[in-house]
Amino acid sequence: MLSDTEKEVIKTYDVWKEKLMFGRPVMGIERSTYLIDEDGVIVKAFGKVKPKDNPKQMLKELN
């Protein structure tokens, strides 16, 4: 979990996106998960993740 009130990290990871809410465009975070190795290198990126399914998906990737 990360608190990023200045939006520095979310812009770096390119997850600050235009989305539709009730048919109107708004800016918001695209739910994403990154698998990062011990050297800080992104091994895999998952966009538009669903919170319900994501933990199982990540455990599968780690095995």
N, C-alpha and C. Protein backbone atom coordinates (compact mmCIF):
# COMPACT_ATOMS: atom_id res chain seq x y z
N MET A 1 0.84 -1.16 0.00
CA MET A 1 0.00 0.00 0.00
C MET A 1 0.89 1.23 0.00
N LEU A 2 0.48 2.23 -0.72
CA LEU A 2 1.29 3.44 -0.87
C LEU A 2 0.40 4.66 -0.84
N SER A 3 0.81 5.67 -0.11
CA SER A 3 0.12 6.95 -0.12
C SER A 3 0.93 7.90 -0.99
N ASP A 4 0.32 8.43 -2.03
CA ASP A 4 1.03 9.27 -2.99
C ASP A 4 0.22 10.53 -3.27
N THR A 5 0.12 11.40 -2.27
CA THR A 5 -0.73 12.59 -2.39
C THR A 5 -0.28 13.55 -3.48
N GLU A 6 0.99 13.54 -3.83
CA GLU A 6 1.50 14.43 -4.88
C GLU A 6 1.44 13.80 -6.27
N LYS A 7 0.98 12.54 -6.34
CA LYS A 7 0.83 11.80 -7.60
C LYS A 7 2.15 11.57 -8.34
N GLU A 8 3.26 11.58 -7.64
CA GLU A 8 4.56 11.36 -8.28
C GLU A 8 4.73 9.92 -8.75
N VAL A 9 4.42 8.98 -7.87
CA VAL A 9 4.63 7.57 -8.20
C VAL A 9 3.61 7.10 -9.23
N ILE A 10 2.35 7.49 -9.07
CA ILE A 10 1.34 7.01 -10.02
C ILE A 10 1.58 7.56 -11.42
N LYS A 11 2.15 8.74 -11.52
CA LYS A 11 2.49 9.26 -12.85
C LYS A 11 3.72 8.56 -13.41
N THR A 12 4.68 8.22 -12.55
CA THR A 12 5.87 7.48 -12.99
C THR A 12 5.49 6.11 -13.54
N TYR A 13 4.57 5.44 -12.86
CA TYR A 13 4.11 4.12 -13.29
C TYR A 13 3.02 4.20 -14.36
N ASP A 14 2.66 5.40 -14.77
CA ASP A 14 1.67 5.64 -15.83
C ASP A 14 0.32 4.99 -15.54
N VAL A 15 -0.17 5.15 -14.31
CA VAL A 15 -1.47 4.61 -13.96
C VAL A 15 -2.50 5.71 -13.68
N TRP A 16 -2.13 6.96 -13.87
CA TRP A 16 -3.05 8.09 -13.75
C TRP A 16 -3.71 8.24 -15.11
N LYS A 17 -4.96 7.79 -15.24
CA LYS A 17 -5.62 7.68 -16.54
C LYS A 17 -6.97 8.39 -16.54
N GLU A 18 -7.41 8.70 -17.74
CA GLU A 18 -8.77 9.21 -17.90
C GLU A 18 -9.71 8.01 -17.91
N LYS A 19 -10.75 8.09 -17.08
CA LYS A 19 -11.74 7.04 -16.99
C LYS A 19 -13.12 7.65 -17.13
N LEU A 20 -14.12 6.82 -17.32
CA LEU A 20 -15.49 7.29 -17.39
C LEU A 20 -16.21 6.97 -16.09
N MET A 21 -16.88 7.99 -15.54
CA MET A 21 -17.70 7.80 -14.36
C MET A 21 -19.07 8.38 -14.67
N PHE A 22 -20.06 7.51 -14.70
CA PHE A 22 -21.42 7.93 -15.06
C PHE A 22 -21.43 8.63 -16.42
N GLY A 23 -20.59 8.12 -17.33
CA GLY A 23 -20.55 8.66 -18.69
C GLY A 23 -19.72 9.91 -18.86
N ARG A 24 -19.10 10.39 -17.80
CA ARG A 24 -18.28 11.61 -17.88
C ARG A 24 -16.81 11.26 -17.68
N PRO A 25 -15.94 11.89 -18.44
CA PRO A 25 -14.51 11.62 -18.26
C PRO A 25 -13.98 12.25 -16.97
N VAL A 26 -13.25 11.44 -16.20
CA VAL A 26 -12.60 11.90 -14.97
C VAL A 26 -11.21 11.28 -14.92
N MET A 27 -10.31 11.89 -14.18
CA MET A 27 -8.98 11.32 -14.00
C MET A 27 -9.00 10.45 -12.74
N GLY A 28 -8.32 9.31 -12.82
CA GLY A 28 -8.26 8.41 -11.69
C GLY A 28 -7.17 7.38 -11.87
N ILE A 29 -6.99 6.58 -10.86
CA ILE A 29 -5.96 5.55 -10.89
C ILE A 29 -6.49 4.28 -11.51
N GLU A 30 -5.74 3.74 -12.48
CA GLU A 30 -6.05 2.43 -13.02
C GLU A 30 -5.43 1.41 -12.08
N ARG A 31 -6.25 0.55 -11.49
CA ARG A 31 -5.72 -0.46 -10.57
C ARG A 31 -4.70 -1.32 -11.29
N SER A 32 -3.51 -1.37 -10.75
CA SER A 32 -2.42 -2.11 -11.37
C SER A 32 -1.58 -2.78 -10.29
N THR A 33 -0.94 -3.88 -10.67
CA THR A 33 -0.02 -4.58 -9.78
C THR A 33 1.26 -4.82 -10.55
N TYR A 34 2.38 -4.63 -9.85
CA TYR A 34 3.69 -4.85 -10.46
C TYR A 34 4.45 -5.89 -9.66
N LEU A 35 5.04 -6.84 -10.36
CA LEU A 35 5.92 -7.81 -9.74
C LEU A 35 7.33 -7.27 -9.92
N ILE A 36 7.97 -6.90 -8.81
CA ILE A 36 9.27 -6.22 -8.84
C ILE A 36 10.29 -7.11 -8.16
N ASP A 37 11.44 -7.35 -8.82
CA ASP A 37 12.46 -8.21 -8.22
C ASP A 37 13.28 -7.47 -7.17
N GLU A 38 14.21 -8.19 -6.55
CA GLU A 38 14.99 -7.61 -5.45
C GLU A 38 15.90 -6.47 -5.88
N ASP A 39 16.14 -6.32 -7.19
CA ASP A 39 16.94 -5.21 -7.71
C ASP A 39 16.09 -4.01 -8.09
N GLY A 40 14.78 -4.11 -7.89
CA GLY A 40 13.89 -3.01 -8.22
C GLY A 40 13.45 -2.99 -9.67
N VAL A 41 13.67 -4.09 -10.40
CA VAL A 41 13.30 -4.18 -11.81
C VAL A 41 11.90 -4.78 -11.92
N ILE A 42 11.05 -4.14 -12.72
CA ILE A 42 9.70 -4.66 -12.94
C ILE A 42 9.81 -5.91 -13.81
N VAL A 43 9.39 -7.04 -13.25
CA VAL A 43 9.44 -8.31 -13.94
C VAL A 43 8.17 -8.50 -14.77
N LYS A 44 7.04 -8.11 -14.19
CA LYS A 44 5.75 -8.24 -14.87
C LYS A 44 4.81 -7.15 -14.40
N ALA A 45 3.97 -6.68 -15.29
CA ALA A 45 2.98 -5.65 -14.95
C ALA A 45 1.59 -6.16 -15.30
N PHE A 46 0.66 -5.89 -14.42
CA PHE A 46 -0.72 -6.30 -14.62
C PHE A 46 -1.59 -5.05 -14.52
N GLY A 47 -2.29 -4.72 -15.58
CA GLY A 47 -3.17 -3.55 -15.59
C GLY A 47 -4.62 -3.95 -15.43
N LYS A 48 -5.44 -3.01 -15.00
CA LYS A 48 -6.88 -3.21 -14.83
C LYS A 48 -7.18 -4.44 -14.00
N VAL A 49 -6.48 -4.59 -12.88
CA VAL A 49 -6.68 -5.76 -12.02
C VAL A 49 -7.95 -5.64 -11.21
N LYS A 50 -8.48 -6.78 -10.83
CA LYS A 50 -9.66 -6.83 -9.98
C LYS A 50 -9.20 -7.25 -8.58
N PRO A 51 -9.51 -6.44 -7.56
CA PRO A 51 -9.04 -6.74 -6.20
C PRO A 51 -9.39 -8.15 -5.72
N LYS A 52 -10.53 -8.65 -6.15
CA LYS A 52 -10.96 -9.98 -5.73
C LYS A 52 -10.05 -11.07 -6.29
N ASP A 53 -9.61 -10.93 -7.53
CA ASP A 53 -8.84 -11.97 -8.22
C ASP A 53 -7.33 -11.78 -8.12
N ASN A 54 -6.87 -10.56 -7.89
CA ASN A 54 -5.45 -10.25 -7.96
C ASN A 54 -4.56 -11.03 -6.99
N PRO A 55 -4.94 -11.21 -5.72
CA PRO A 55 -4.05 -11.98 -4.83
C PRO A 55 -3.77 -13.39 -5.33
N LYS A 56 -4.79 -14.08 -5.83
CA LYS A 56 -4.60 -15.43 -6.37
C LYS A 56 -3.68 -15.40 -7.59
N GLN A 57 -3.88 -14.40 -8.45
CA GLN A 57 -3.06 -14.26 -9.65
C GLN A 57 -1.59 -14.03 -9.27
N MET A 58 -1.35 -13.20 -8.27
CA MET A 58 0.04 -12.92 -7.86
C MET A 58 0.68 -14.14 -7.21
N LEU A 59 -0.06 -14.86 -6.38
CA LEU A 59 0.50 -16.09 -5.78
C LEU A 59 0.87 -17.10 -6.85
N LYS A 60 0.05 -17.20 -7.88
CA LYS A 60 0.33 -18.10 -9.00
C LYS A 60 1.63 -17.69 -9.70
N GLU A 61 1.83 -16.40 -9.89
CA GLU A 61 3.04 -15.89 -10.54
C GLU A 61 4.29 -16.16 -9.71
N LEU A 62 4.17 -16.12 -8.39
CA LEU A 62 5.32 -16.30 -7.51
C LEU A 62 5.72 -17.76 -7.36
N ASN A 63 4.82 -18.68 -7.68
CA ASN A 63 5.14 -20.12 -7.56
C ASN A 63 5.81 -20.65 -8.78
